[in-house]
C-alpha atoms as a PDB file:
ATOM      1  CA  MET A   1      79.741 126.394  85.310  1.00  0.00           C
ATOM      2  CA  ALA A   2      81.629 124.613  88.097  1.00  0.00           C
ATOM      3  CA  TYR A   3      84.289 122.098  87.058  1.00  0.00           C
ATOM      4  CA  THR A   4      84.181 118.568  88.372  1.00  0.00           C
ATOM      5  CA  PRO A   5      87.462 117.162  89.754  1.00  0.00           C
ATOM      6  CA  LEU A   6      87.830 115.012  86.624  1.00  0.00           C
ATOM      7  CA  ILE A   7      87.624 118.072  84.352  1.00  0.00           C
ATOM      8  CA  ILE A   8      90.042 120.007  86.541  1.00  0.00           C
ATOM      9  CA  ASP A   9      92.551 117.134  86.473  1.00  0.00           C
ATOM     10  CA  SER A  10      92.182 116.825  82.698  1.00  0.00           C
ATOM     11  CA  LYS A  11      92.764 120.532  82.198  1.00  0.00           C
ATOM     12  CA  PHE A  12      95.785 120.492  84.480  1.00  0.00           C
ATOM     13  CA  ALA A  13      97.240 117.565  82.533  1.00  0.00           C
ATOM     14  CA  GLY A  14      96.616 119.409  79.268  1.00  0.00           C
ATOM     15  CA  LEU A  15      98.349 122.563  80.520  1.00  0.00           C
ATOM     16  CA  SER A  16     101.295 120.506  81.699  1.00  0.00           C
ATOM     17  CA  PHE A  17     101.451 118.802  78.305  1.00  0.00           C
ATOM     18  CA  ALA A  18     101.392 122.161  76.492  1.00  0.00           C
ATOM     19  CA  LYS A  19     104.222 123.466  78.668  1.00  0.00           C
ATOM     20  CA  ARG A  20     106.326 120.370  77.970  1.00  0.00           C
ATOM     21  CA  THR A  21     105.986 120.767  74.206  1.00  0.00           C
ATOM     22  CA  TYR A  22     106.524 124.539  74.207  1.00  0.00           C
ATOM     23  CA  LEU A  23     110.320 124.585  74.621  1.00  0.00           C
ATOM     24  CA  PRO A  24     111.088 121.753  72.159  1.00  0.00           C
ATOM     25  CA  ARG A  25     108.882 123.461  69.570  1.00  0.00           C
ATOM     26  CA  ILE A  26     110.680 126.800  70.038  1.00  0.00           C
ATOM     27  CA  VAL A  27     114.140 125.249  69.897  1.00  0.00           C
ATOM     28  CA  GLY A  28     113.388 122.804  67.087  1.00  0.00           C
ATOM     29  CA  LEU A  29     111.812 125.364  64.772  1.00  0.00           C
ATOM     30  CA  GLY A  30     114.244 128.087  65.816  1.00  0.00           C
ATOM     31  CA  LEU A  31     117.192 125.927  64.816  1.00  0.00           C
ATOM     32  CA  GLY A  32     115.266 124.730  61.782  1.00  0.00           C
ATOM     33  CA  LEU A  33     115.119 128.320  60.538  1.00  0.00           C
ATOM     34  CA  PHE A  34     118.775 128.156  59.549  1.00  0.00           C
ATOM     35  CA  GLY A  35     118.518 124.805  57.806  1.00  0.00           C
ATOM     36  CA  LEU A  36     115.331 125.839  55.992  1.00  0.00           C
ATOM     37  CA  SER A  37     116.954 129.082  54.916  1.00  0.00           C
ATOM     38  CA  ALA A  38     119.963 127.252  53.515  1.00  0.00           C
ATOM     39  CA  THR A  39     117.644 124.887  51.621  1.00  0.00           C
ATOM     40  CA  ILE A  40     115.112 127.289  50.118  1.00  0.00           C
ATOM     41  CA  TYR A  41     117.551 130.115  49.323  1.00  0.00           C
ATOM     42  CA  PRO A  42     118.638 128.586  46.010  1.00  0.00           C
ATOM     43  CA  LEU A  43     115.025 127.648  45.160  1.00  0.00           C
ATOM     44  CA  HIS A  44     112.836 130.619  46.121  1.00  0.00           C
ATOM     45  CA  SER A  45     113.373 134.326  46.220  1.00  0.00           C
ATOM     46  CA  SER A  46     109.750 135.261  46.886  1.00  0.00           C
ATOM     47  CA  PRO A  47     109.321 137.558  49.913  1.00  0.00           C
ATOM     48  CA  PHE A  48     106.060 135.715  50.567  1.00  0.00           C
ATOM     49  CA  ILE A  49     107.892 132.414  51.131  1.00  0.00           C
ATOM     50  CA  TRP A  50     110.422 134.072  53.425  1.00  0.00           C
ATOM     51  CA  GLY A  51     107.639 135.756  55.365  1.00  0.00           C
ATOM     52  CA  LEU A  52     105.897 132.421  55.860  1.00  0.00           C
ATOM     53  CA  LEU A  53     109.208 130.950  56.994  1.00  0.00           C
ATOM     54  CA  ILE A  54     109.601 133.606  59.705  1.00  0.00           C
ATOM     55  CA  ILE A  55     106.014 133.065  60.888  1.00  0.00           C
ATOM     56  CA  TYR A  56     106.436 129.284  60.939  1.00  0.00           C
ATOM     57  CA  THR A  57     109.751 129.112  62.788  1.00  0.00           C
ATOM     58  CA  LEU A  58     109.607 132.114  65.124  1.00  0.00           C
ATOM     59  CA  ILE A  59     105.936 132.985  65.652  1.00  0.00           C
ATOM     60  CA  TRP A  60     103.974 129.756  65.323  1.00  0.00           C
ATOM     61  CA  PRO A  61     105.420 128.157  68.532  1.00  0.00           C
ATOM     62  CA  HIS A  62     104.060 131.033  70.611  1.00  0.00           C
ATOM     63  CA  ILE A  63     100.701 131.032  68.842  1.00  0.00           C
ATOM     64  CA  ALA A  64     100.352 127.288  69.478  1.00  0.00           C
ATOM     65  CA  TYR A  65     101.230 127.705  73.145  1.00  0.00           C
ATOM     66  CA  GLN A  66      98.796 130.559  73.739  1.00  0.00           C
ATOM     67  CA  TRP A  67      96.122 128.667  71.878  1.00  0.00           C
ATOM     68  CA  SER A  68      96.567 125.682  74.188  1.00  0.00           C
ATOM     69  CA  ILE A  69      96.800 127.419  77.562  1.00  0.00           C
ATOM     70  CA  HIS A  70      93.711 129.529  76.873  1.00  0.00           C
ATOM     71  CA  SER A  71      91.672 126.570  75.657  1.00  0.00           C
ATOM     72  CA  GLU A  72      88.975 124.922  77.747  1.00  0.00           C
ATOM     73  CA  LYS A  73      90.466 121.595  76.632  1.00  0.00           C
ATOM     74  CA  PRO A  74      94.222 122.234  76.411  1.00  0.00           C
ATOM     75  CA  LEU A  75      95.061 118.566  75.911  1.00  0.00           C
ATOM     76  CA  VAL A  76      92.847 118.338  72.831  1.00  0.00           C
ATOM     77  CA  THR A  77      94.138 121.662  71.520  1.00  0.00           C
ATOM     78  CA  GLU A  78      97.800 120.754  71.976  1.00  0.00           C
ATOM     79  CA  THR A  79      97.248 117.399  70.280  1.00  0.00           C
ATOM     80  CA  ARG A  80      95.708 119.317  67.376  1.00  0.00           C
ATOM     81  CA  ASN A  81      98.753 121.613  67.395  1.00  0.00           C
ATOM     82  CA  LEU A  82     101.012 118.598  66.961  1.00  0.00           C
ATOM     83  CA  LEU A  83      99.023 117.531  63.914  1.00  0.00           C
ATOM     84  CA  ILE A  84      99.324 121.092  62.567  1.00  0.00           C
ATOM     85  CA  ASP A  85     103.087 120.798  63.148  1.00  0.00           C
ATOM     86  CA  SER A  86     103.062 117.657  61.035  1.00  0.00           C
ATOM     87  CA  LEU A  87     100.942 119.262  58.312  1.00  0.00           C
ATOM     88  CA  LEU A  88     103.246 122.296  58.154  1.00  0.00           C
ATOM     89  CA  ALA A  89     106.289 120.029  58.098  1.00  0.00           C
ATOM     90  CA  GLY A  90     104.848 118.367  55.010  1.00  0.00           C
ATOM     91  CA  VAL A  91     104.299 121.799  53.455  1.00  0.00           C
ATOM     92  CA  TRP A  92     107.920 122.820  53.989  1.00  0.00           C
ATOM     93  CA  ILE A  93     109.229 119.460  52.799  1.00  0.00           C
ATOM     94  CA  ALA A  94     107.499 120.175  49.482  1.00  0.00           C
ATOM     95  CA  VAL A  95     108.693 123.795  49.449  1.00  0.00           C
ATOM     96  CA  MET A  96     112.266 122.493  49.806  1.00  0.00           C
ATOM     97  CA  GLY A  97     111.726 120.181  46.832  1.00  0.00           C
ATOM     98  CA  PHE A  98     111.982 117.039  49.011  1.00  0.00           C
ATOM     99  CA  SER A  99     115.646 117.691  49.749  1.00  0.00           C
ATOM    100  CA  ALA A 100     116.876 114.489  51.394  1.00  0.00           C
ATOM    101  CA  LEU A 101     118.488 115.665  54.635  1.00  0.00           C
ATOM    102  CA  PRO A 102     115.874 118.297  55.602  1.00  0.00           C
ATOM    103  CA  THR A 103     113.088 115.836  54.794  1.00  0.00           C
ATOM    104  CA  ILE A 104     114.578 113.170  57.059  1.00  0.00           C
ATOM    105  CA  VAL A 105     115.138 115.730  59.859  1.00  0.00           C
ATOM    106  CA  PHE A 106     111.532 116.927  59.671  1.00  0.00           C
ATOM    107  CA  LEU A 107     110.162 113.387  59.569  1.00  0.00           C
ATOM    108  CA  ALA A 108     112.285 112.390  62.579  1.00  0.00           C
ATOM    109  CA  MET A 109     111.313 115.446  64.628  1.00  0.00           C
ATOM    110  CA  MET A 110     107.603 115.038  63.973  1.00  0.00           C
ATOM    111  CA  GLY A 111     107.814 111.302  64.555  1.00  0.00           C
ATOM    112  CA  MET A 112     109.485 111.765  67.945  1.00  0.00           C
ATOM    113  CA  ASN A 113     106.982 114.402  69.019  1.00  0.00           C
ATOM    114  CA  ASN A 114     103.885 112.488  67.983  1.00  0.00           C
ATOM    115  CA  THR A 115     105.044 109.121  69.290  1.00  0.00           C
ATOM    116  CA  ALA A 116     105.961 110.584  72.678  1.00  0.00           C
ATOM    117  CA  ALA A 117     102.685 112.511  72.894  1.00  0.00           C
ATOM    118  CA  GLY A 118     100.170 109.998  71.602  1.00  0.00           C
ATOM    119  CA  SER A 119     101.954 106.772  70.732  1.00  0.00           C
ATOM    120  CA  TYR A 120     101.187 105.015  67.440  1.00  0.00           C
ATOM    121  CA  SER A 121      97.794 106.586  66.841  1.00  0.00           C
ATOM    122  CA  LEU A 122      99.050 110.161  66.820  1.00  0.00           C
ATOM    123  CA  PHE A 123     102.183 109.093  64.957  1.00  0.00           C
ATOM    124  CA  LEU A 124     100.114 107.624  62.128  1.00  0.00           C
ATOM    125  CA  LYS A 125      97.843 110.673  62.020  1.00  0.00           C
ATOM    126  CA  GLY A 126     100.953 112.847  61.862  1.00  0.00           C
ATOM    127  CA  VAL A 127     102.342 110.839  58.944  1.00  0.00           C
ATOM    128  CA  VAL A 128      99.050 111.276  57.083  1.00  0.00           C
ATOM    129  CA  ALA A 129      99.093 115.023  57.799  1.00  0.00           C
ATOM    130  CA  GLN A 130     102.642 115.308  56.472  1.00  0.00           C
ATOM    131  CA  ILE A 131     101.758 113.411  53.317  1.00  0.00           C
ATOM    132  CA  VAL A 132      98.673 115.579  52.730  1.00  0.00           C
ATOM    133  CA  GLY A 133     100.632 118.785  53.319  1.00  0.00           C
ATOM    134  CA  ALA A 134     103.461 117.673  51.056  1.00  0.00           C
ATOM    135  CA  ILE A 135     101.218 116.515  48.184  1.00  0.00           C
ATOM    136  CA  LEU A 136      98.987 119.593  48.168  1.00  0.00           C
ATOM    137  CA  THR A 137     101.908 122.026  48.400  1.00  0.00           C
ATOM    138  CA  SER A 138     103.922 120.143  45.807  1.00  0.00           C
ATOM    139  CA  ALA A 139     100.970 120.230  43.397  1.00  0.00           C
ATOM    140  CA  LEU A 140     100.531 123.952  44.018  1.00  0.00           C
ATOM    141  CA  LEU A 141     104.216 124.604  43.262  1.00  0.00           C
ATOM    142  CA  GLY A 142     104.353 122.367  40.178  1.00  0.00           C
ATOM    143  CA  PHE A 143     105.895 119.301  41.833  1.00  0.00           C
ATOM    144  CA  PRO A 144     109.464 120.540  42.424  1.00  0.00           C
ATOM    145  CA  PHE A 145     111.949 117.763  43.151  1.00  0.00           C
ATOM    146  CA  THR A 146     115.527 118.540  44.168  1.00  0.00           C
ATOM    147  CA  PRO A 147     116.589 115.757  46.556  1.00  0.00           C
ATOM    148  CA  GLN A 148     120.282 116.634  46.573  1.00  0.00           C
ATOM    149  CA  THR A 149     121.781 117.717  49.900  1.00  0.00           C
ATOM    150  CA  THR A 150     124.372 120.438  49.705  1.00  0.00           C
ATOM    151  CA  PRO A 151     127.292 120.828  52.153  1.00  0.00           C
ATOM    152  CA  LEU A 152     125.724 124.107  53.337  1.00  0.00           C
ATOM    153  CA  GLN A 153     122.505 122.304  54.254  1.00  0.00           C
ATOM    154  CA  LEU A 154     124.496 119.653  56.101  1.00  0.00           C
ATOM    155  CA  TYR A 155     126.361 122.205  58.190  1.00  0.00           C
ATOM    156  CA  PHE A 156     123.194 124.135  59.032  1.00  0.00           C
ATOM    157  CA  TYR A 157     121.293 121.022  60.048  1.00  0.00           C
ATOM    158  CA  LEU A 158     124.052 119.631  62.281  1.00  0.00           C
ATOM    159  CA  PRO A 159     122.945 121.747  65.290  1.00  0.00           C
ATOM    160  CA  VAL A 160     119.373 120.464  64.848  1.00  0.00           C
ATOM    161  CA  LEU A 161     120.582 116.861  64.659  1.00  0.00           C
ATOM    162  CA  PHE A 162     122.515 117.254  67.907  1.00  0.00           C
ATOM    163  CA  ILE A 163     120.600 119.727  70.061  1.00  0.00           C
ATOM    164  CA  TYR A 164     116.991 118.683  69.407  1.00  0.00           C
ATOM    165  CA  PRO A 165     117.339 114.967  70.343  1.00  0.00           C
ATOM    166  CA  VAL A 166     119.249 115.943  73.495  1.00  0.00           C
ATOM    167  CA  LEU A 167     116.572 118.483  74.441  1.00  0.00           C
ATOM    168  CA  PHE A 168     113.811 116.029  73.596  1.00  0.00           C
ATOM    169  CA  GLY A 169     115.472 113.385  75.760  1.00  0.00           C
ATOM    170  CA  LEU A 170     115.767 115.855  78.637  1.00  0.00           C
ATOM    171  CA  VAL A 171     112.084 116.810  78.422  1.00  0.00           C
ATOM    172  CA  THR A 172     111.081 113.155  78.221  1.00  0.00           C
ATOM    173  CA  TYR A 173     113.287 112.296  81.193  1.00  0.00           C
ATOM    174  CA  ARG A 174     111.793 115.079  83.302  1.00  0.00           C
ATOM    175  CA  ALA A 175     108.272 113.968  82.393  1.00  0.00           C
ATOM    176  CA  ALA A 176     109.092 110.362  83.265  1.00  0.00           C
ATOM    177  CA  LYS A 177     110.686 111.421  86.551  1.00  0.00           C
ATOM    178  CA  HIS A 178     107.617 113.491  87.409  1.00  0.00           C
ATOM    179  CA  LEU A 179     105.403 110.499  86.623  1.00  0.00           C
ATOM    180  CA  VAL A 180     107.476 108.225  88.876  1.00  0.00           C
ATOM    181  CA  GLU A 181     107.239 110.762  91.711  1.00  0.00           C
ATOM    182  CA  LYS A 182     103.469 110.967  91.266  1.00  0.00           C
ATOM    183  CA  LYS A 183     103.227 107.181  91.295  1.00  0.00           C
ATOM    184  CA  ARG A 184     105.246 107.037  94.498  1.00  0.00           C
ATOM    185  CA  GLU A 185     102.971 109.637  96.040  1.00  0.00           C
ATOM    186  CA  VAL A 186      99.891 107.641  95.072  1.00  0.00           C
ATOM    187  CA  VAL A 187     101.417 104.503  96.596  1.00  0.00           C
ATOM    188  CA  ARG A 188     102.331 106.418  99.757  1.00  0.00           C
ATOM    189  CA  ILE A 189      98.811 107.808 100.083  1.00  0.00           C
ATOM    190  CA  SER A 190      97.318 104.348  99.626  1.00  0.00           C
ATOM    191  CA  MET A 191      99.500 102.991 102.453  1.00  0.00           C
ATOM    192  CA  ARG A 192      99.521 105.851 104.961  1.00  0.00           C
ATOM    193  CA  ASP A 193      97.020 107.387 107.326  1.00  0.00           C
ATOM    194  CA  GLY A 194      96.294 110.912 106.160  1.00  0.00           C
ATOM    195  CA  LEU A 195      96.391 112.500 109.629  1.00  0.00           C
ATOM    196  CA  THR A 196      99.249 110.796 111.438  1.00  0.00           C
ATOM    197  CA  GLY A 197     101.453 109.557 108.597  1.00  0.00           C
ATOM    198  CA  VAL A 198     101.763 106.031 109.989  1.00  0.00           C
ATOM    199  CA  TYR A 199     100.442 103.036 108.058  1.00  0.00           C
ATOM    200  CA  ASN A 200      96.690 102.906 107.565  1.00  0.00           C
ATOM    201  CA  ARG A 201      94.737  99.924 108.852  1.00  0.00           C
ATOM    202  CA  ARG A 202      94.508  98.089 105.533  1.00  0.00           C
ATOM    203  CA  HIS A 203      98.253  98.145 104.873  1.00  0.00           C
ATOM    204  CA  TRP A 204      99.180  97.583 108.516  1.00  0.00           C
ATOM    205  CA  GLU A 205      97.050  94.453 108.642  1.00  0.00           C
ATOM    206  CA  HIS A 206      98.685  93.307 105.417  1.00  0.00           C
ATOM    207  CA  LEU A 207     102.113  93.641 107.066  1.00  0.00           C
ATOM    208  CA  LEU A 208     100.808  91.929 110.200  1.00  0.00           C
ATOM    209  CA  ARG A 209      99.608  88.985 108.120  1.00  0.00           C
ATOM    210  CA  ASN A 210     103.024  88.746 106.455  1.00  0.00           C
ATOM    211  CA  GLN A 211     104.743  88.793 109.837  1.00  0.00           C
ATOM    212  CA  PHE A 212     102.417  86.111 111.143  1.00  0.00           C
ATOM    213  CA  ASP A 213     103.237  83.895 108.149  1.00  0.00           C
ATOM    214  CA  SER A 214     106.956  84.510 108.727  1.00  0.00           C
ATOM    215  CA  CYS A 215     106.680  83.573 112.410  1.00  0.00           C
ATOM    216  CA  ARG A 216     104.759  80.403 111.599  1.00  0.00           C
ATOM    217  CA  ARG A 217     107.105  79.334 108.812  1.00  0.00           C
ATOM    218  CA  TYR A 218     110.460  80.149 110.425  1.00  0.00           C
ATOM    219  CA  ASN A 219     109.499  79.977 114.119  1.00  0.00           C
ATOM    220  CA  HIS A 220     110.334  83.649 114.615  1.00  0.00           C
ATOM    221  CA  THR A 221     109.460  85.680 117.687  1.00  0.00           C
ATOM    222  CA  ALA A 222     107.337  88.829 117.395  1.00  0.00           C
ATOM    223  CA  THR A 223     105.153  90.924 119.668  1.00  0.00           C
ATOM    224  CA  LEU A 224     101.980  92.785 118.790  1.00  0.00           C
ATOM    225  CA  ILE A 225     100.792  95.813 120.770  1.00  0.00           C
ATOM    226  CA  LEU A 226      97.402  97.514 120.489  1.00  0.00           C
ATOM    227  CA  ILE A 227      97.307 100.986 122.024  1.00  0.00           C
ATOM    228  CA  ASP A 228      94.321 103.162 122.851  1.00  0.00           C
ATOM    229  CA  ILE A 229      94.174 106.766 124.136  1.00  0.00           C
ATOM    230  CA  ASP A 230      92.396 106.858 127.469  1.00  0.00           C
ATOM    231  CA  ARG A 231      89.152 108.868 127.516  1.00  0.00           C
ATOM    232  CA  PHE A 232      89.719 110.137 123.998  1.00  0.00           C
ATOM    233  CA  LYS A 233      86.038 110.992 123.532  1.00  0.00           C
ATOM    234  CA  ALA A 234      86.218 113.254 126.577  1.00  0.00           C
ATOM    235  CA  ILE A 235      89.232 115.007 125.050  1.00  0.00           C
ATOM    236  CA  ASN A 236      87.267 115.680 121.862  1.00  0.00           C
ATOM    237  CA  ASP A 237      84.162 116.793 123.736  1.00  0.00           C
ATOM    238  CA  THR A 238      86.055 119.060 126.144  1.00  0.00           C
ATOM    239  CA  PHE A 239      88.792 120.568 123.999  1.00  0.00           C
ATOM    240  CA  GLY A 240      87.507 120.064 120.466  1.00  0.00           C
ATOM    241  CA  HIS A 241      88.390 117.786 117.583  1.00  0.00           C
ATOM    242  CA  ALA A 242      91.404 119.870 116.567  1.00  0.00           C
ATOM    243  CA  LEU A 243      93.126 119.076 119.843  1.00  0.00           C
ATOM    244  CA  GLY A 244      91.952 115.481 119.550  1.00  0.00           C
ATOM    245  CA  ASP A 245      93.715 115.290 116.197  1.00  0.00           C
ATOM    246  CA  GLU A 246      96.817 116.822 117.769  1.00  0.00           C
ATOM    247  CA  ALA A 247      96.747 114.114 120.443  1.00  0.00           C
ATOM    248  CA  LEU A 248      96.604 111.414 117.772  1.00  0.00           C
ATOM    249  CA  ILE A 249      99.556 112.978 115.954  1.00  0.00           C
ATOM    250  CA  VAL A 250     101.561 113.214 119.179  1.00  0.00           C
ATOM    251  CA  LEU A 251     100.938 109.556 119.991  1.00  0.00           C
ATOM    252  CA  ALA A 252     101.899 108.469 116.467  1.00  0.00           C
ATOM    253  CA  GLU A 253     105.133 110.488 116.653  1.00  0.00           C
ATOM    254  CA  GLU A 254     106.042 109.050 120.046  1.00  0.00           C
ATOM    255  CA  LEU A 255     105.446 105.524 118.784  1.00  0.00           C
ATOM    256  CA  VAL A 256     107.614 106.060 115.717  1.00  0.00           C
ATOM    257  CA  LEU A 257     110.394 107.739 117.713  1.00  0.00           C
ATOM    258  CA  GLY A 258     110.198 105.366 120.663  1.00  0.00           C
ATOM    259  CA  LEU A 259     110.323 102.164 118.645  1.00  0.00           C
ATOM    260  CA  ARG A 260     112.909 100.862 116.206  1.00  0.00           C
ATOM    261  CA  THR A 261     112.891 101.641 112.501  1.00  0.00           C
ATOM    262  CA  MET A 262     112.137  97.980 111.804  1.00  0.00           C
ATOM    263  CA  ASP A 263     109.003  98.080 113.981  1.00  0.00           C
ATOM    264  CA  ILE A 264     105.705  98.593 112.164  1.00  0.00           C
ATOM    265  CA  VAL A 265     103.314 101.250 113.453  1.00  0.00           C
ATOM    266  CA  GLY A 266      99.807 101.741 112.097  1.00  0.00           C
ATOM    267  CA  ARG A 267      96.559 103.464 112.946  1.00  0.00           C
ATOM    268  CA  TYR A 268      94.154 100.635 113.640  1.00  0.00           C
ATOM    269  CA  GLY A 269      91.020 102.649 114.416  1.00  0.00           C
ATOM    270  CA  GLY A 270      89.863 106.087 115.486  1.00  0.00           C
ATOM    271  CA  ASP A 271      92.155 106.498 118.524  1.00  0.00           C
ATOM    272  CA  GLU A 272      93.647 103.001 118.411  1.00  0.00           C
ATOM    273  CA  PHE A 273      97.114 102.235 117.119  1.00  0.00           C
ATOM    274  CA  GLY A 274      98.945  99.016 116.470  1.00  0.00           C
ATOM    275  CA  ALA A 275     102.663  98.348 116.782  1.00  0.00           C
ATOM    276  CA  LEU A 276     104.285  95.190 115.487  1.00  0.00           C
ATOM    277  CA  LEU A 277     107.763  94.412 116.823  1.00  0.00           C
ATOM    278  CA  PRO A 278     109.501  91.621 114.865  1.00  0.00           C
ATOM    279  CA  ASN A 279     112.069  89.417 116.627  1.00  0.00           C
ATOM    280  CA  THR A 280     111.069  90.927 119.955  1.00  0.00           C
ATOM    281  CA  PRO A 281     109.937  89.113 123.116  1.00  0.00           C
ATOM    282  CA  PRO A 282     107.008  90.616 125.038  1.00  0.00           C
ATOM    283  CA  GLU A 283     109.212  91.727 127.957  1.00  0.00           C
ATOM    284  CA  GLN A 284     111.344  93.893 125.666  1.00  0.00           C
ATOM    285  CA  ALA A 285     108.248  95.258 123.925  1.00  0.00           C
ATOM    286  CA  SER A 286     106.710  96.162 127.298  1.00  0.00           C
ATOM    287  CA  GLN A 287     109.868  98.039 128.291  1.00  0.00           C
ATOM    288  CA  ALA A 288     109.768 100.063 125.082  1.00  0.00           C
ATOM    289  CA  LEU A 289     106.106 100.853 125.646  1.00  0.00           C
ATOM    290  CA  SER A 290     106.807 101.968 129.229  1.00  0.00           C
ATOM    291  CA  ARG A 291     109.344 104.486 127.931  1.00  0.00           C
ATOM    292  CA  ILE A 292     106.774 105.817 125.467  1.00  0.00           C
ATOM    293  CA  GLN A 293     104.229 106.204 128.286  1.00  0.00           C
ATOM    294  CA  GLU A 294     106.770 108.205 130.278  1.00  0.00           C
ATOM    295  CA  HIS A 295     107.451 110.514 127.340  1.00  0.00           C
ATOM    296  CA  LEU A 296     103.729 111.058 126.821  1.00  0.00           C
ATOM    297  CA  ARG A 297     103.331 112.224 130.416  1.00  0.00           C
ATOM    298  CA  GLU A 298     105.750 115.049 129.658  1.00  0.00           C
ATOM    299  CA  VAL A 299     103.849 116.259 126.594  1.00  0.00           C
ATOM    300  CA  THR A 300     102.187 119.663 127.022  1.00  0.00           C
ATOM    301  CA  PHE A 301      99.455 120.931 124.697  1.00  0.00           C
ATOM    302  CA  ARG A 302      99.513 124.667 124.072  1.00  0.00           C
ATOM    303  CA  ASP A 303      95.712 124.963 123.923  1.00  0.00           C
ATOM    304  CA  ALA A 304      95.188 122.671 126.925  1.00  0.00           C
ATOM    305  CA  PRO A 305      98.130 122.996 129.339  1.00  0.00           C
ATOM    306  CA  ASP A 306      96.456 120.849 131.988  1.00  0.00           C
ATOM    307  CA  LEU A 307      95.723 117.956 129.664  1.00  0.00           C
ATOM    308  CA  LYS A 308      97.807 114.835 130.147  1.00  0.00           C
ATOM    309  CA  LEU A 309      97.851 112.092 127.563  1.00  0.00           C
ATOM    310  CA  TYR A 310      97.512 108.572 128.920  1.00  0.00           C
ATOM    311  CA  ILE A 311      97.319 105.320 127.001  1.00  0.00           C
ATOM    312  CA  SER A 312      96.307 101.752 127.639  1.00  0.00           C
ATOM    313  CA  ALA A 313      97.878  98.856 125.789  1.00  0.00           C
ATOM    314  CA  GLY A 314      97.452  95.168 125.160  1.00  0.00           C
ATOM    315  CA  VAL A 315     100.598  93.130 124.505  1.00  0.00           C
ATOM    316  CA  ALA A 316     100.469  89.762 122.740  1.00  0.00           C
ATOM    317  CA  ASP A 317     103.436  87.751 121.531  1.00  0.00           C
ATOM    318  CA  TYR A 318     103.130  85.268 118.689  1.00  0.00           C
ATOM    319  CA  GLN A 319     102.097  81.787 119.776  1.00  0.00           C
ATOM    320  CA  PRO A 320     102.601  78.737 117.521  1.00  0.00           C
ATOM    321  CA  GLU A 321      99.092  77.472 118.251  1.00  0.00           C
ATOM    322  CA  MET A 322      97.539  80.589 116.678  1.00  0.00           C
ATOM    323  CA  LYS A 323      95.790  79.620 113.454  1.00  0.00           C
ATOM    324  CA  SER A 324      95.612  83.075 111.864  1.00  0.00           C
ATOM    325  CA  TYR A 325      96.768  86.633 112.355  1.00  0.00           C
ATOM    326  CA  GLN A 326      93.198  87.476 113.410  1.00  0.00           C
ATOM    327  CA  GLU A 327      93.707  85.314 116.507  1.00  0.00           C
ATOM    328  CA  TRP A 328      96.846  87.293 117.239  1.00  0.00           C
ATOM    329  CA  LEU A 329      94.882  90.516 116.895  1.00  0.00           C
ATOM    330  CA  LYS A 330      92.123  89.178 119.118  1.00  0.00           C
ATOM    331  CA  ALA A 331      94.631  88.259 121.818  1.00  0.00           C
ATOM    332  CA  ALA A 332      96.078  91.779 121.834  1.00  0.00           C
ATOM    333  CA  ASP A 333      92.596  93.308 121.752  1.00  0.00           C
ATOM    334  CA  ASN A 334      91.502  91.221 124.745  1.00  0.00           C
ATOM    335  CA  ALA A 335      94.604  92.347 126.626  1.00  0.00           C
ATOM    336  CA  LEU A 336      93.810  95.960 125.770  1.00  0.00           C
ATOM    337  CA  TYR A 337      90.277  95.471 127.091  1.00  0.00           C
ATOM    338  CA  LEU A 338      91.717  94.180 130.367  1.00  0.00           C
ATOM    339  CA  ALA A 339      94.020  97.209 130.624  1.00  0.00           C
ATOM    340  CA  LYS A 340      91.097  99.586 130.220  1.00  0.00           C
ATOM    341  CA  SER A 341      88.822  97.657 132.571  1.00  0.00           C
ATOM    342  CA  HIS A 342      91.547  97.550 135.259  1.00  0.00           C
ATOM    343  CA  GLY A 343      91.789 101.322 135.482  1.00  0.00           C
ATOM    344  CA  ARG A 344      93.451 102.489 132.232  1.00  0.00           C
ATOM    345  CA  ASN A 345      96.914 104.079 131.904  1.00  0.00           C
ATOM    346  CA  ARG A 346      98.466 100.625 131.996  1.00  0.00           C
ATOM    347  CA  MET A 347      99.366  97.677 129.843  1.00  0.00           C
ATOM    348  CA  GLU A 348      98.282  94.072 130.047  1.00  0.00           C
ATOM    349  CA  ARG A 349      99.882  91.040 128.494  1.00  0.00           C
ATOM    350  CA  ALA A 350      97.737  88.473 126.732  1.00  0.00           C
ATOM    351  CA  VAL A 351      97.522  85.127 128.472  1.00  0.00           C
ATOM    352  CA  PRO A 352      98.537  82.294 126.116  1.00  0.00           C
ATOM    353  CA  GLN A 353      95.708  79.847 125.455  1.00  0.00           C
ATOM    354  CA  SER A 354      96.385  76.405 126.857  1.00  0.00           C
END
């Protein structure tokens, strides 16, 4: 059966979750082996108990991990593993006769794990699992109760008290950092054009509107340029869409490199780009655009050596009488139309409305 994207994403998240819990489980139970040994040694001499201890601390982490990564629903399986951790912690708390320090260490470890993994819901379920495990095991063993903490137990649990919280903090930090990076990537994707890397139309228009408001409020100067590749359809029809895409990428790169870092470049349509130049008069913007046109004439395409990339542009500076940024866009678009109707490979400046 084919997986839908939602199922694939869920499985990937579950596998990532299982991998994050694998190391803390190994380290926590591995270190816990020494503290558990120091606690149960005076209480139990049964080889059966010691065998269960070895399985719990050294083998169970690997069983849980394999169980999760081979599951069709690893997130559900790993969550169940955490509840099993809590249940087993309750079992060993009872086996140790509710010794104070080991009990607190186990409660803290399980509480951290369950809260980080599933917040309050999983934490509460984990507490219930620990209580059930402790009560049933205690009843089976005749309700042993030796809460005293010996110096040996204290010394053996010191590494757990230091190393596990540090490791847990490191794992949590890495997960949070990964989440922040993913969030940044999502934001970047929502703002950028997938092919050229410049701003997409929605975000570019949002920035244009902000610039318009700034010009109107503070009487700033700014120039808007709309740029169109001449005979782009012919390029696609003659050389193919792959080369057409390459032409779009080349134009976007030249715009970004040829303008200032403060200038705002976006893909406005199929082969149409917009450039917003804050605090720039139209004469200076036209000079910058002329340099970009010169650079484009020198571009050579490997799959079409004879192809030359030409652009037309409409230049419109902000005018106080404009009522909205759409009027600004319309002025630049009208200028672009004039450039194309007057022979292409040129720029035209919008005529201010009287």
